[in-house]
């Protein structure tokens, strides 16, 4: 944890993100964003999680082994990238992302560009896994696309991801996303950037 260094950002926080703001705007711990946020803490899987997944593998053996084999045997990076859009079991998904990250410097810029127009929930959530686990140095580029993302679910997810991996310079961008998505409270998209603001609050102790 650290304190905000920029005087200008500190003034912005004092004006817009006071203790009263957080008292009046509570994160829904049952929202899709909170659930995804928790799952990101388990990626890549630790030994305990791997053991639990292996038990599940035994129950869904044929399907899971086919998905894992598909990932392990595929050599073409373009075809592997396409699999980010397909529903797969957690073991296959982790293997897929680990293989793609062997080409991280080409995959992450492509991912960020595609996220601007993706409405595929699986692709979006795999994008979150990649960015949180491997994309911290790309946080500025993520910040640049937040207001260019076409679909609100994707914007909401990437806003909370930015809260996890970003720096104090990104607080205003997440707050702008929150205000933008607050225009439709019915769908709870605003919960994504709100969660991102809570991550920033915890990181910078405001």
N, C-alpha and C. Protein backbone atom coordinates (compact mmCIF):
# COMPACT_ATOMS: atom_id res chain seq x y z
N UNK A 1 0.83 -1.20 0.00
CA UNK A 1 0.00 0.00 0.00
C UNK A 1 0.87 1.25 0.00
N UNK A 2 0.35 2.32 -0.61
CA UNK A 2 1.08 3.58 -0.67
C UNK A 2 0.09 4.73 -0.72
N UNK A 3 0.60 5.91 -0.60
CA UNK A 3 -0.23 7.10 -0.66
C UNK A 3 -0.15 7.71 -2.06
N UNK A 4 -1.20 8.45 -2.45
CA UNK A 4 -1.19 9.14 -3.73
C UNK A 4 -0.11 10.21 -3.71
N UNK A 5 0.70 10.25 -4.77
CA UNK A 5 1.81 11.18 -4.86
C UNK A 5 1.43 12.50 -5.53
N UNK A 6 0.54 12.44 -6.51
CA UNK A 6 0.17 13.63 -7.26
C UNK A 6 -0.81 14.50 -6.48
N UNK A 7 -0.49 15.79 -6.36
CA UNK A 7 -1.38 16.72 -5.67
C UNK A 7 -2.71 16.83 -6.40
N UNK A 8 -2.65 16.89 -7.74
CA UNK A 8 -3.86 17.02 -8.55
C UNK A 8 -4.78 15.81 -8.37
N UNK A 9 -4.20 14.62 -8.40
CA UNK A 9 -5.00 13.41 -8.22
C UNK A 9 -5.55 13.34 -6.80
N UNK A 10 -4.75 13.75 -5.84
CA UNK A 10 -5.23 13.80 -4.46
C UNK A 10 -6.43 14.70 -4.30
N UNK A 11 -6.41 15.85 -4.97
CA UNK A 11 -7.54 16.77 -4.93
C UNK A 11 -8.77 16.16 -5.60
N UNK A 12 -8.54 15.45 -6.71
CA UNK A 12 -9.64 14.77 -7.40
C UNK A 12 -10.29 13.75 -6.49
N UNK A 13 -9.47 12.97 -5.81
CA UNK A 13 -9.98 11.95 -4.90
C UNK A 13 -10.76 12.59 -3.76
N UNK A 14 -10.22 13.64 -3.18
CA UNK A 14 -10.90 14.31 -2.06
C UNK A 14 -12.26 14.85 -2.48
N UNK A 15 -12.35 15.31 -3.73
CA UNK A 15 -13.59 15.89 -4.22
C UNK A 15 -14.61 14.83 -4.60
N UNK A 16 -14.17 13.77 -5.25
CA UNK A 16 -15.10 12.80 -5.85
C UNK A 16 -15.20 11.46 -5.12
N UNK A 17 -14.17 11.10 -4.37
CA UNK A 17 -14.13 9.76 -3.77
C UNK A 17 -13.89 9.84 -2.27
N UNK A 18 -14.73 10.60 -1.64
CA UNK A 18 -14.65 10.79 -0.19
C UNK A 18 -15.15 9.55 0.54
N UNK A 19 -14.92 9.45 1.84
CA UNK A 19 -15.50 8.34 2.61
C UNK A 19 -17.01 8.24 2.43
N UNK A 20 -17.66 9.37 2.26
CA UNK A 20 -19.11 9.36 2.05
C UNK A 20 -19.47 8.64 0.75
N UNK A 21 -18.66 8.85 -0.31
CA UNK A 21 -18.92 8.17 -1.57
C UNK A 21 -18.94 6.66 -1.37
N UNK A 22 -17.95 6.14 -0.68
CA UNK A 22 -17.87 4.69 -0.50
C UNK A 22 -18.92 4.18 0.49
N UNK A 23 -19.34 5.03 1.40
CA UNK A 23 -20.41 4.64 2.31
C UNK A 23 -21.73 4.50 1.57
N UNK A 24 -21.92 5.35 0.56
CA UNK A 24 -23.18 5.37 -0.20
C UNK A 24 -23.14 4.44 -1.40
N UNK A 25 -21.98 3.96 -1.77
CA UNK A 25 -21.83 3.10 -2.95
C UNK A 25 -21.08 1.83 -2.55
N UNK A 26 -21.86 0.80 -2.29
CA UNK A 26 -21.32 -0.46 -1.77
C UNK A 26 -21.18 -1.49 -2.90
N UNK A 27 -20.07 -2.20 -2.88
CA UNK A 27 -19.87 -3.28 -3.85
C UNK A 27 -20.80 -4.44 -3.53
N UNK A 28 -21.47 -4.94 -4.57
CA UNK A 28 -22.32 -6.13 -4.43
C UNK A 28 -21.42 -7.36 -4.52
N UNK A 29 -21.24 -8.05 -3.42
CA UNK A 29 -20.33 -9.20 -3.39
C UNK A 29 -20.85 -10.39 -4.18
N UNK A 30 -22.12 -10.32 -4.61
CA UNK A 30 -22.69 -11.40 -5.42
C UNK A 30 -22.74 -11.04 -6.90
N UNK A 31 -22.23 -9.87 -7.26
CA UNK A 31 -22.25 -9.46 -8.66
C UNK A 31 -21.29 -10.32 -9.48
N UNK A 32 -21.50 -10.32 -10.80
CA UNK A 32 -20.61 -11.07 -11.69
C UNK A 32 -19.17 -10.59 -11.56
N UNK A 33 -19.00 -9.30 -11.28
CA UNK A 33 -17.66 -8.72 -11.21
C UNK A 33 -16.94 -9.16 -9.94
N UNK A 34 -17.66 -9.21 -8.83
CA UNK A 34 -17.05 -9.67 -7.58
C UNK A 34 -16.68 -11.14 -7.66
N UNK A 35 -17.54 -11.93 -8.29
CA UNK A 35 -17.25 -13.36 -8.44
C UNK A 35 -16.03 -13.58 -9.34
N UNK A 36 -16.00 -12.85 -10.47
CA UNK A 36 -14.84 -12.95 -11.36
C UNK A 36 -13.58 -12.45 -10.65
N UNK A 37 -13.71 -11.37 -9.91
CA UNK A 37 -12.58 -10.80 -9.17
C UNK A 37 -11.99 -11.84 -8.22
N UNK A 38 -12.85 -12.55 -7.51
CA UNK A 38 -12.38 -13.60 -6.60
C UNK A 38 -11.68 -14.71 -7.36
N UNK A 39 -12.26 -15.11 -8.50
CA UNK A 39 -11.67 -16.21 -9.27
C UNK A 39 -10.28 -15.85 -9.80
N UNK A 40 -10.06 -14.56 -10.04
CA UNK A 40 -8.75 -14.13 -10.54
C UNK A 40 -7.65 -14.34 -9.51
N UNK A 41 -8.04 -14.37 -8.24
CA UNK A 41 -7.06 -14.64 -7.19
C UNK A 41 -6.59 -16.09 -7.20
N UNK A 42 -7.33 -16.94 -7.90
CA UNK A 42 -7.01 -18.37 -7.97
C UNK A 42 -6.34 -18.73 -9.29
N UNK A 43 -5.95 -17.71 -10.06
CA UNK A 43 -5.34 -17.95 -11.38
C UNK A 43 -3.95 -17.32 -11.42
N UNK A 44 -2.93 -18.04 -11.84
CA UNK A 44 -2.91 -19.48 -12.10
C UNK A 44 -3.19 -20.28 -10.82
N UNK A 45 -3.68 -21.47 -11.00
CA UNK A 45 -4.14 -22.27 -9.87
C UNK A 45 -2.98 -22.69 -8.97
N UNK A 46 -3.22 -22.60 -7.65
CA UNK A 46 -2.24 -23.13 -6.70
C UNK A 46 -2.46 -24.64 -6.53
N UNK A 47 -1.65 -25.28 -5.72
CA UNK A 47 -1.72 -26.74 -5.60
C UNK A 47 -3.06 -27.21 -5.05
N UNK A 48 -3.61 -26.47 -4.10
CA UNK A 48 -4.91 -26.85 -3.52
C UNK A 48 -6.01 -26.81 -4.56
N UNK A 49 -6.01 -25.74 -5.37
CA UNK A 49 -7.01 -25.61 -6.42
C UNK A 49 -6.81 -26.70 -7.47
N UNK A 50 -5.57 -26.99 -7.81
CA UNK A 50 -5.29 -28.03 -8.81
C UNK A 50 -5.83 -29.39 -8.36
N UNK A 51 -5.69 -29.70 -7.08
CA UNK A 51 -6.20 -30.97 -6.57
C UNK A 51 -7.72 -31.03 -6.69
N UNK A 52 -8.38 -29.91 -6.38
CA UNK A 52 -9.85 -29.87 -6.49
C UNK A 52 -10.27 -30.02 -7.95
N UNK A 53 -9.53 -29.40 -8.86
CA UNK A 53 -9.86 -29.51 -10.28
C UNK A 53 -9.64 -30.92 -10.80
N UNK A 54 -8.63 -31.60 -10.28
CA UNK A 54 -8.38 -32.98 -10.69
C UNK A 54 -9.52 -33.90 -10.29
N UNK A 55 -10.13 -33.63 -9.15
CA UNK A 55 -11.30 -34.42 -8.73
C UNK A 55 -12.46 -34.19 -9.69
N UNK A 56 -12.64 -32.93 -10.11
CA UNK A 56 -13.70 -32.61 -11.06
C UNK A 56 -13.40 -33.24 -12.41
N UNK A 57 -12.12 -33.27 -12.77
CA UNK A 57 -11.71 -33.90 -14.02
C UNK A 57 -12.15 -35.35 -14.08
N UNK A 58 -12.07 -36.05 -12.97
CA UNK A 58 -12.47 -37.45 -12.94
C UNK A 58 -13.96 -37.62 -13.20
N UNK A 59 -14.75 -36.61 -12.82
CA UNK A 59 -16.20 -36.67 -13.04
C UNK A 59 -16.54 -36.37 -14.49
N UNK A 60 -15.80 -35.42 -15.10
CA UNK A 60 -16.07 -35.01 -16.48
C UNK A 60 -14.92 -35.43 -17.40
N UNK A 61 -14.42 -36.61 -17.16
CA UNK A 61 -13.15 -37.07 -17.73
C UNK A 61 -13.06 -36.94 -19.25
N UNK A 62 -14.03 -37.46 -19.97
CA UNK A 62 -13.93 -37.51 -21.42
C UNK A 62 -13.90 -36.11 -22.03
N UNK A 63 -14.84 -35.26 -21.60
CA UNK A 63 -14.93 -33.91 -22.15
C UNK A 63 -13.71 -33.08 -21.79
N UNK A 64 -13.34 -33.12 -20.53
CA UNK A 64 -12.20 -32.31 -20.07
C UNK A 64 -10.90 -32.75 -20.74
N UNK A 65 -10.68 -34.06 -20.86
CA UNK A 65 -9.44 -34.54 -21.47
C UNK A 65 -9.37 -34.15 -22.94
N UNK A 66 -10.52 -34.14 -23.62
CA UNK A 66 -10.55 -33.73 -25.03
C UNK A 66 -10.16 -32.26 -25.18
N UNK A 67 -10.66 -31.42 -24.27
CA UNK A 67 -10.34 -29.99 -24.32
C UNK A 67 -8.87 -29.75 -24.00
N UNK A 68 -8.36 -30.46 -23.01
CA UNK A 68 -6.95 -30.32 -22.64
C UNK A 68 -6.05 -30.78 -23.78
N UNK A 69 -6.41 -31.89 -24.41
CA UNK A 69 -5.64 -32.42 -25.52
C UNK A 69 -5.62 -31.45 -26.70
N UNK A 70 -6.76 -30.82 -26.96
CA UNK A 70 -6.85 -29.85 -28.05
C UNK A 70 -5.84 -28.72 -27.85
N UNK A 71 -5.78 -28.21 -26.63
CA UNK A 71 -4.85 -27.12 -26.32
C UNK A 71 -3.40 -27.59 -26.41
N UNK A 72 -3.12 -28.75 -25.84
CA UNK A 72 -1.74 -29.24 -25.79
C UNK A 72 -1.19 -29.56 -27.18
N UNK A 73 -2.05 -30.02 -28.09
CA UNK A 73 -1.58 -30.45 -29.40
C UNK A 73 -1.51 -29.31 -30.42
N UNK A 74 -2.29 -28.25 -30.18
CA UNK A 74 -2.32 -27.15 -31.15
C UNK A 74 -1.03 -26.33 -31.08
N UNK A 75 -0.41 -26.12 -32.23
CA UNK A 75 0.85 -25.37 -32.30
C UNK A 75 0.65 -23.96 -32.88
N UNK A 76 -0.41 -23.78 -33.64
CA UNK A 76 -0.64 -22.51 -34.32
C UNK A 76 -1.13 -21.45 -33.33
N UNK A 77 -0.39 -20.37 -33.18
CA UNK A 77 -0.72 -19.35 -32.20
C UNK A 77 -2.05 -18.67 -32.51
N UNK A 78 -2.36 -18.52 -33.81
CA UNK A 78 -3.62 -17.91 -34.21
C UNK A 78 -4.81 -18.76 -33.81
N UNK A 79 -4.69 -20.06 -33.98
CA UNK A 79 -5.77 -20.97 -33.60
C UNK A 79 -5.92 -21.04 -32.09
N UNK A 80 -4.80 -20.99 -31.38
CA UNK A 80 -4.87 -20.96 -29.91
C UNK A 80 -5.58 -19.70 -29.43
N UNK A 81 -5.28 -18.59 -30.08
CA UNK A 81 -5.91 -17.32 -29.70
C UNK A 81 -7.42 -17.39 -29.87
N UNK A 82 -7.87 -18.00 -30.94
CA UNK A 82 -9.31 -18.14 -31.19
C UNK A 82 -9.99 -18.93 -30.07
N UNK A 83 -9.26 -19.87 -29.47
CA UNK A 83 -9.83 -20.68 -28.39
C UNK A 83 -10.17 -19.86 -27.15
N UNK A 84 -9.63 -18.65 -27.04
CA UNK A 84 -10.00 -17.78 -25.91
C UNK A 84 -11.49 -17.46 -25.90
N UNK A 85 -12.14 -17.65 -27.04
CA UNK A 85 -13.57 -17.35 -27.16
C UNK A 85 -14.45 -18.57 -26.88
N UNK A 86 -13.82 -19.73 -26.69
CA UNK A 86 -14.58 -20.97 -26.56
C UNK A 86 -14.70 -21.39 -25.09
N UNK A 87 -15.87 -21.93 -24.71
CA UNK A 87 -16.00 -22.44 -23.33
C UNK A 87 -15.15 -23.68 -23.14
N UNK A 88 -14.30 -23.65 -22.13
CA UNK A 88 -13.46 -24.80 -21.81
C UNK A 88 -13.32 -24.93 -20.30
N UNK A 89 -12.92 -26.10 -19.85
CA UNK A 89 -12.74 -26.32 -18.42
C UNK A 89 -11.53 -25.52 -17.91
N UNK A 90 -11.46 -25.29 -16.59
CA UNK A 90 -10.39 -24.44 -16.04
C UNK A 90 -8.97 -24.92 -16.31
N UNK A 91 -8.77 -26.24 -16.33
CA UNK A 91 -7.43 -26.77 -16.58
C UNK A 91 -6.99 -26.43 -18.01
N UNK A 92 -7.89 -26.67 -18.97
CA UNK A 92 -7.58 -26.37 -20.37
C UNK A 92 -7.38 -24.87 -20.56
N UNK A 93 -8.21 -24.07 -19.90
CA UNK A 93 -8.09 -22.61 -20.02
C UNK A 93 -6.74 -22.13 -19.52
N UNK A 94 -6.30 -22.66 -18.38
CA UNK A 94 -5.00 -22.24 -17.84
C UNK A 94 -3.87 -22.65 -18.78
N UNK A 95 -3.93 -23.87 -19.30
CA UNK A 95 -2.90 -24.33 -20.24
C UNK A 95 -2.89 -23.45 -21.49
N UNK A 96 -4.08 -23.08 -21.96
CA UNK A 96 -4.20 -22.23 -23.14
C UNK A 96 -3.52 -20.88 -22.90
N UNK A 97 -3.85 -20.26 -21.79
CA UNK A 97 -3.29 -18.93 -21.50
C UNK A 97 -1.78 -19.01 -21.31
N UNK A 98 -1.31 -20.05 -20.64
CA UNK A 98 0.14 -20.20 -20.45
C UNK A 98 0.87 -20.35 -21.79
N UNK A 99 0.26 -21.07 -22.74
CA UNK A 99 0.88 -21.22 -24.06
C UNK A 99 0.88 -19.89 -24.80
N UNK A 100 -0.23 -19.17 -24.71
CA UNK A 100 -0.31 -17.88 -25.39
C UNK A 100 0.68 -16.88 -24.82
N UNK A 101 0.91 -16.95 -23.52
CA UNK A 101 1.82 -15.99 -22.89
C UNK A 101 3.29 -16.23 -23.23
N UNK A 102 3.56 -17.33 -23.93
CA UNK A 102 4.91 -17.50 -24.49
C UNK A 102 5.15 -16.47 -25.59
N UNK A 103 4.07 -15.90 -26.11
CA UNK A 103 4.12 -14.84 -27.12
C UNK A 103 3.41 -13.59 -26.60
N UNK A 104 3.64 -13.31 -25.34
CA UNK A 104 2.94 -12.24 -24.63
C UNK A 104 3.00 -10.89 -25.35
N UNK A 105 4.17 -10.53 -25.88
CA UNK A 105 4.35 -9.20 -26.45
C UNK A 105 3.53 -8.98 -27.72
N UNK A 106 3.12 -10.04 -28.36
CA UNK A 106 2.23 -9.90 -29.53
C UNK A 106 0.78 -10.17 -29.16
N UNK A 107 0.54 -11.04 -28.19
CA UNK A 107 -0.82 -11.42 -27.83
C UNK A 107 -1.54 -10.31 -27.07
N UNK A 108 -0.91 -9.69 -26.09
CA UNK A 108 -1.62 -8.71 -25.26
C UNK A 108 -2.04 -7.48 -26.06
N UNK A 109 -1.20 -6.89 -26.92
CA UNK A 109 -1.69 -5.78 -27.75
C UNK A 109 -2.87 -6.18 -28.64
N UNK A 110 -2.81 -7.38 -29.20
CA UNK A 110 -3.93 -7.87 -30.02
C UNK A 110 -5.18 -8.03 -29.17
N UNK A 111 -5.02 -8.57 -27.98
CA UNK A 111 -6.13 -8.74 -27.05
C UNK A 111 -6.79 -7.41 -26.73
N UNK A 112 -6.00 -6.41 -26.41
CA UNK A 112 -6.55 -5.09 -26.06
C UNK A 112 -7.32 -4.49 -27.23
N UNK A 113 -6.81 -4.67 -28.42
CA UNK A 113 -7.51 -4.15 -29.60
C UNK A 113 -8.84 -4.87 -29.79
N UNK A 114 -8.85 -6.18 -29.62
CA UNK A 114 -10.08 -6.95 -29.82
C UNK A 114 -11.10 -6.71 -28.72
N UNK A 115 -10.64 -6.40 -27.52
CA UNK A 115 -11.58 -6.14 -26.41
C UNK A 115 -12.42 -4.90 -26.67
N UNK A 116 -11.95 -4.01 -27.51
CA UNK A 116 -12.70 -2.78 -27.79
C UNK A 116 -14.04 -3.08 -28.46
N UNK A 117 -14.13 -4.22 -29.12
CA UNK A 117 -15.37 -4.52 -29.85
C UNK A 117 -15.93 -5.91 -29.54
N UNK A 118 -15.46 -6.54 -28.48
CA UNK A 118 -15.92 -7.90 -28.18
C UNK A 118 -17.13 -7.91 -27.25
N UNK A 119 -18.12 -8.71 -27.63
CA UNK A 119 -19.28 -8.95 -26.78
C UNK A 119 -19.31 -10.39 -26.28
N UNK A 120 -18.20 -11.10 -26.47
CA UNK A 120 -18.09 -12.51 -26.06
C UNK A 120 -17.64 -12.58 -24.60
N UNK A 121 -18.53 -13.00 -23.72
CA UNK A 121 -18.23 -13.00 -22.28
C UNK A 121 -17.01 -13.86 -21.94
N UNK A 122 -16.88 -15.00 -22.61
CA UNK A 122 -15.75 -15.90 -22.32
C UNK A 122 -14.44 -15.22 -22.70
N UNK A 123 -14.41 -14.58 -23.86
CA UNK A 123 -13.22 -13.87 -24.30
C UNK A 123 -12.88 -12.73 -23.34
N UNK A 124 -13.90 -12.00 -22.91
CA UNK A 124 -13.71 -10.88 -21.99
C UNK A 124 -13.12 -11.37 -20.66
N UNK A 125 -13.68 -12.45 -20.14
CA UNK A 125 -13.21 -12.96 -18.84
C UNK A 125 -11.82 -13.58 -18.94
N UNK A 126 -11.53 -14.23 -20.07
CA UNK A 126 -10.16 -14.71 -20.28
C UNK A 126 -9.20 -13.53 -20.44
N UNK A 127 -9.69 -12.47 -21.06
CA UNK A 127 -8.88 -11.25 -21.15
C UNK A 127 -8.56 -10.70 -19.78
N UNK A 128 -9.52 -10.75 -18.87
CA UNK A 128 -9.29 -10.30 -17.50
C UNK A 128 -8.22 -11.16 -16.83
N UNK A 129 -8.29 -12.47 -17.03
CA UNK A 129 -7.29 -13.37 -16.44
C UNK A 129 -5.89 -13.03 -16.95
N UNK A 130 -5.80 -12.81 -18.24
CA UNK A 130 -4.50 -12.49 -18.84
C UNK A 130 -3.96 -11.17 -18.30
N UNK A 131 -4.81 -10.15 -18.28
CA UNK A 131 -4.34 -8.82 -17.87
C UNK A 131 -3.94 -8.78 -16.40
N UNK A 132 -4.70 -9.43 -15.55
CA UNK A 132 -4.37 -9.40 -14.12
C UNK A 132 -3.10 -10.21 -13.83
N UNK A 133 -2.96 -11.36 -14.48
CA UNK A 133 -1.81 -12.23 -14.20
C UNK A 133 -0.54 -11.80 -14.93
N UNK A 134 -0.70 -11.23 -16.14
CA UNK A 134 0.49 -11.00 -16.97
C UNK A 134 0.58 -9.61 -17.59
N UNK A 135 -0.43 -8.77 -17.39
CA UNK A 135 -0.50 -7.53 -18.16
C UNK A 135 -0.29 -6.24 -17.41
N UNK A 136 0.30 -6.29 -16.22
CA UNK A 136 0.45 -5.07 -15.43
C UNK A 136 1.18 -3.96 -16.19
N UNK A 137 2.21 -4.32 -16.95
CA UNK A 137 2.97 -3.30 -17.67
C UNK A 137 2.19 -2.71 -18.84
N UNK A 138 1.02 -3.30 -19.14
CA UNK A 138 0.16 -2.77 -20.20
C UNK A 138 -1.00 -1.96 -19.64
N UNK A 139 -0.92 -1.57 -18.37
CA UNK A 139 -2.05 -0.88 -17.75
C UNK A 139 -2.34 0.46 -18.42
N UNK A 140 -1.31 1.17 -18.88
CA UNK A 140 -1.55 2.44 -19.57
C UNK A 140 -2.32 2.22 -20.86
N UNK A 141 -1.99 1.16 -21.57
CA UNK A 141 -2.70 0.86 -22.83
C UNK A 141 -4.12 0.41 -22.56
N UNK A 142 -4.33 -0.31 -21.47
CA UNK A 142 -5.69 -0.67 -21.08
C UNK A 142 -6.48 0.59 -20.76
N UNK A 143 -5.87 1.50 -20.02
CA UNK A 143 -6.55 2.75 -19.66
C UNK A 143 -6.98 3.53 -20.91
N UNK A 144 -6.18 3.47 -21.96
CA UNK A 144 -6.48 4.20 -23.18
C UNK A 144 -7.72 3.68 -23.90
N UNK A 145 -8.05 2.41 -23.71
CA UNK A 145 -9.18 1.85 -24.47
C UNK A 145 -10.49 1.83 -23.68
N UNK A 146 -10.46 2.12 -22.39
CA UNK A 146 -11.67 1.96 -21.57
C UNK A 146 -12.87 2.68 -22.18
N UNK A 147 -12.70 3.93 -22.59
CA UNK A 147 -13.84 4.68 -23.12
C UNK A 147 -14.10 4.39 -24.59
N UNK A 148 -13.34 3.47 -25.16
CA UNK A 148 -13.54 3.06 -26.56
C UNK A 148 -14.19 1.69 -26.66
N UNK A 149 -14.41 1.04 -25.53
CA UNK A 149 -14.99 -0.31 -25.54
C UNK A 149 -16.47 -0.23 -25.88
N UNK A 150 -16.89 -1.05 -26.82
CA UNK A 150 -18.25 -0.97 -27.35
C UNK A 150 -19.31 -1.50 -26.39
N UNK A 151 -19.03 -2.62 -25.75
CA UNK A 151 -20.05 -3.30 -24.95
C UNK A 151 -19.86 -3.01 -23.45
N UNK A 152 -20.96 -2.69 -22.76
CA UNK A 152 -20.84 -2.27 -21.35
C UNK A 152 -20.28 -3.35 -20.42
N UNK A 153 -20.59 -4.63 -20.67
CA UNK A 153 -20.04 -5.66 -19.79
C UNK A 153 -18.52 -5.68 -19.89
N UNK A 154 -18.01 -5.57 -21.10
CA UNK A 154 -16.56 -5.57 -21.30
C UNK A 154 -15.93 -4.35 -20.64
N UNK A 155 -16.55 -3.19 -20.81
CA UNK A 155 -16.02 -1.98 -20.15
C UNK A 155 -16.01 -2.16 -18.64
N UNK A 156 -17.08 -2.72 -18.09
CA UNK A 156 -17.18 -2.90 -16.64
C UNK A 156 -16.08 -3.83 -16.13
N UNK A 157 -15.85 -4.93 -16.83
CA UNK A 157 -14.81 -5.88 -16.41
C UNK A 157 -13.43 -5.23 -16.51
N UNK A 158 -13.16 -4.57 -17.62
CA UNK A 158 -11.83 -3.97 -17.80
C UNK A 158 -11.60 -2.81 -16.85
N UNK A 159 -12.66 -2.13 -16.43
CA UNK A 159 -12.50 -1.04 -15.46
C UNK A 159 -12.07 -1.59 -14.11
N UNK A 160 -12.62 -2.72 -13.69
CA UNK A 160 -12.18 -3.26 -12.40
C UNK A 160 -10.80 -3.91 -12.53
N UNK A 161 -10.50 -4.45 -13.70
CA UNK A 161 -9.14 -4.96 -13.93
C UNK A 161 -8.13 -3.82 -13.84
N UNK A 162 -8.47 -2.67 -14.42
CA UNK A 162 -7.59 -1.51 -14.34
C UNK A 162 -7.40 -1.08 -12.89
N UNK A 163 -8.44 -1.22 -12.08
CA UNK A 163 -8.31 -0.92 -10.66
C UNK A 163 -7.32 -1.84 -9.98
N UNK A 164 -7.24 -3.07 -10.44
CA UNK A 164 -6.31 -4.04 -9.85
C UNK A 164 -4.87 -3.80 -10.29
N UNK A 165 -4.66 -3.51 -11.56
CA UNK A 165 -3.29 -3.47 -12.08
C UNK A 165 -2.78 -2.06 -12.34
N UNK A 166 -3.67 -1.07 -12.29
CA UNK A 166 -3.29 0.28 -12.67
C UNK A 166 -2.64 1.09 -11.56
N UNK A 167 -2.35 2.34 -11.89
CA UNK A 167 -1.70 3.26 -10.95
C UNK A 167 -2.63 4.43 -10.65
N UNK A 168 -2.19 5.34 -9.82
CA UNK A 168 -3.04 6.45 -9.40
C UNK A 168 -3.51 7.31 -10.57
N UNK A 169 -2.73 7.36 -11.65
CA UNK A 169 -3.11 8.14 -12.82
C UNK A 169 -4.38 7.61 -13.47
N UNK A 170 -4.77 6.39 -13.14
CA UNK A 170 -5.93 5.77 -13.78
C UNK A 170 -7.21 5.91 -12.96
N UNK A 171 -7.13 6.50 -11.79
CA UNK A 171 -8.32 6.62 -10.93
C UNK A 171 -9.42 7.39 -11.62
N UNK A 172 -9.08 8.50 -12.26
CA UNK A 172 -10.08 9.31 -12.94
C UNK A 172 -10.75 8.58 -14.09
N UNK A 173 -10.00 7.75 -14.79
CA UNK A 173 -10.56 6.97 -15.91
C UNK A 173 -11.58 5.97 -15.39
N UNK A 174 -11.27 5.32 -14.29
CA UNK A 174 -12.22 4.36 -13.70
C UNK A 174 -13.46 5.09 -13.20
N UNK A 175 -13.27 6.25 -12.59
CA UNK A 175 -14.41 7.03 -12.10
C UNK A 175 -15.30 7.48 -13.25
N UNK A 176 -14.70 7.88 -14.37
CA UNK A 176 -15.49 8.27 -15.55
C UNK A 176 -16.30 7.08 -16.07
N UNK A 177 -15.70 5.89 -16.05
CA UNK A 177 -16.42 4.68 -16.47
C UNK A 177 -17.59 4.42 -15.53
N UNK A 178 -17.36 4.60 -14.25
CA UNK A 178 -18.42 4.43 -13.26
C UNK A 178 -19.59 5.36 -13.56
N UNK A 179 -19.31 6.62 -13.81
CA UNK A 179 -20.38 7.58 -14.10
C UNK A 179 -21.11 7.21 -15.39
N UNK A 180 -20.35 6.78 -16.39
CA UNK A 180 -20.94 6.40 -17.67
C UNK A 180 -21.89 5.22 -17.51
N UNK A 181 -21.46 4.21 -16.77
CA UNK A 181 -22.26 3.00 -16.62
C UNK A 181 -23.37 3.15 -15.58
N UNK A 182 -23.28 4.18 -14.76
CA UNK A 182 -24.34 4.46 -13.79
C UNK A 182 -25.64 4.90 -14.46
N UNK A 183 -25.57 5.27 -15.74
CA UNK A 183 -26.78 5.72 -16.43
C UNK A 183 -27.78 4.59 -16.61
N UNK A 184 -27.31 3.34 -16.44
CA UNK A 184 -28.22 2.19 -16.50
C UNK A 184 -27.98 1.32 -15.27
N UNK A 185 -28.57 1.71 -14.17
CA UNK A 185 -28.38 0.98 -12.91
C UNK A 185 -29.04 -0.40 -12.94
N UNK A 186 -30.02 -0.59 -13.81
CA UNK A 186 -30.78 -1.84 -13.84
C UNK A 186 -29.86 -3.03 -14.12
N UNK A 187 -28.90 -2.84 -15.03
CA UNK A 187 -28.02 -3.95 -15.42
C UNK A 187 -26.79 -4.07 -14.53
N UNK A 188 -26.61 -3.16 -13.61
CA UNK A 188 -25.51 -3.22 -12.63
C UNK A 188 -24.12 -3.18 -13.25
N UNK A 189 -24.00 -2.68 -14.48
CA UNK A 189 -22.67 -2.58 -15.09
C UNK A 189 -21.75 -1.70 -14.26
N UNK A 190 -22.32 -0.71 -13.59
CA UNK A 190 -21.52 0.22 -12.79
C UNK A 190 -20.76 -0.48 -11.68
N UNK A 191 -21.20 -1.70 -11.30
CA UNK A 191 -20.52 -2.43 -10.24
C UNK A 191 -19.07 -2.78 -10.62
N UNK A 192 -18.80 -2.91 -11.92
CA UNK A 192 -17.44 -3.21 -12.36
C UNK A 192 -16.47 -2.09 -12.01
N UNK A 193 -16.70 -0.87 -12.54
CA UNK A 193 -15.79 0.22 -12.18
C UNK A 193 -15.84 0.58 -10.70
N UNK A 194 -16.98 0.39 -10.05
CA UNK A 194 -17.04 0.64 -8.61
C UNK A 194 -16.06 -0.29 -7.88
N UNK A 195 -16.03 -1.54 -8.29
CA UNK A 195 -15.08 -2.49 -7.70
C UNK A 195 -13.64 -2.03 -7.98
N UNK A 196 -13.42 -1.51 -9.19
CA UNK A 196 -12.10 -0.98 -9.52
C UNK A 196 -11.70 0.17 -8.63
N UNK A 197 -12.67 1.04 -8.30
CA UNK A 197 -12.40 2.15 -7.39
C UNK A 197 -12.07 1.66 -5.99
N UNK A 198 -12.74 0.60 -5.56
CA UNK A 198 -12.41 0.01 -4.25
C UNK A 198 -10.99 -0.56 -4.24
N UNK A 199 -10.59 -1.17 -5.36
CA UNK A 199 -9.21 -1.66 -5.44
C UNK A 199 -8.22 -0.50 -5.32
N UNK A 200 -8.53 0.61 -5.99
CA UNK A 200 -7.66 1.78 -5.89
C UNK A 200 -7.66 2.34 -4.47
N UNK A 201 -8.82 2.36 -3.85
CA UNK A 201 -8.93 2.85 -2.47
C UNK A 201 -8.03 2.03 -1.54
N UNK A 202 -8.08 0.72 -1.69
CA UNK A 202 -7.25 -0.15 -0.85
C UNK A 202 -5.76 0.01 -1.16
N UNK A 203 -5.46 0.22 -2.44
CA UNK A 203 -4.06 0.33 -2.87
C UNK A 203 -3.42 1.63 -2.38
N UNK A 204 -4.21 2.72 -2.45
CA UNK A 204 -3.66 4.05 -2.12
C UNK A 204 -4.19 4.62 -0.81
N UNK A 205 -4.94 3.83 -0.09
CA UNK A 205 -5.38 4.17 1.27
C UNK A 205 -6.08 5.53 1.34
N UNK A 206 -7.08 5.73 0.46
CA UNK A 206 -7.85 6.98 0.58
C UNK A 206 -9.27 6.68 1.02
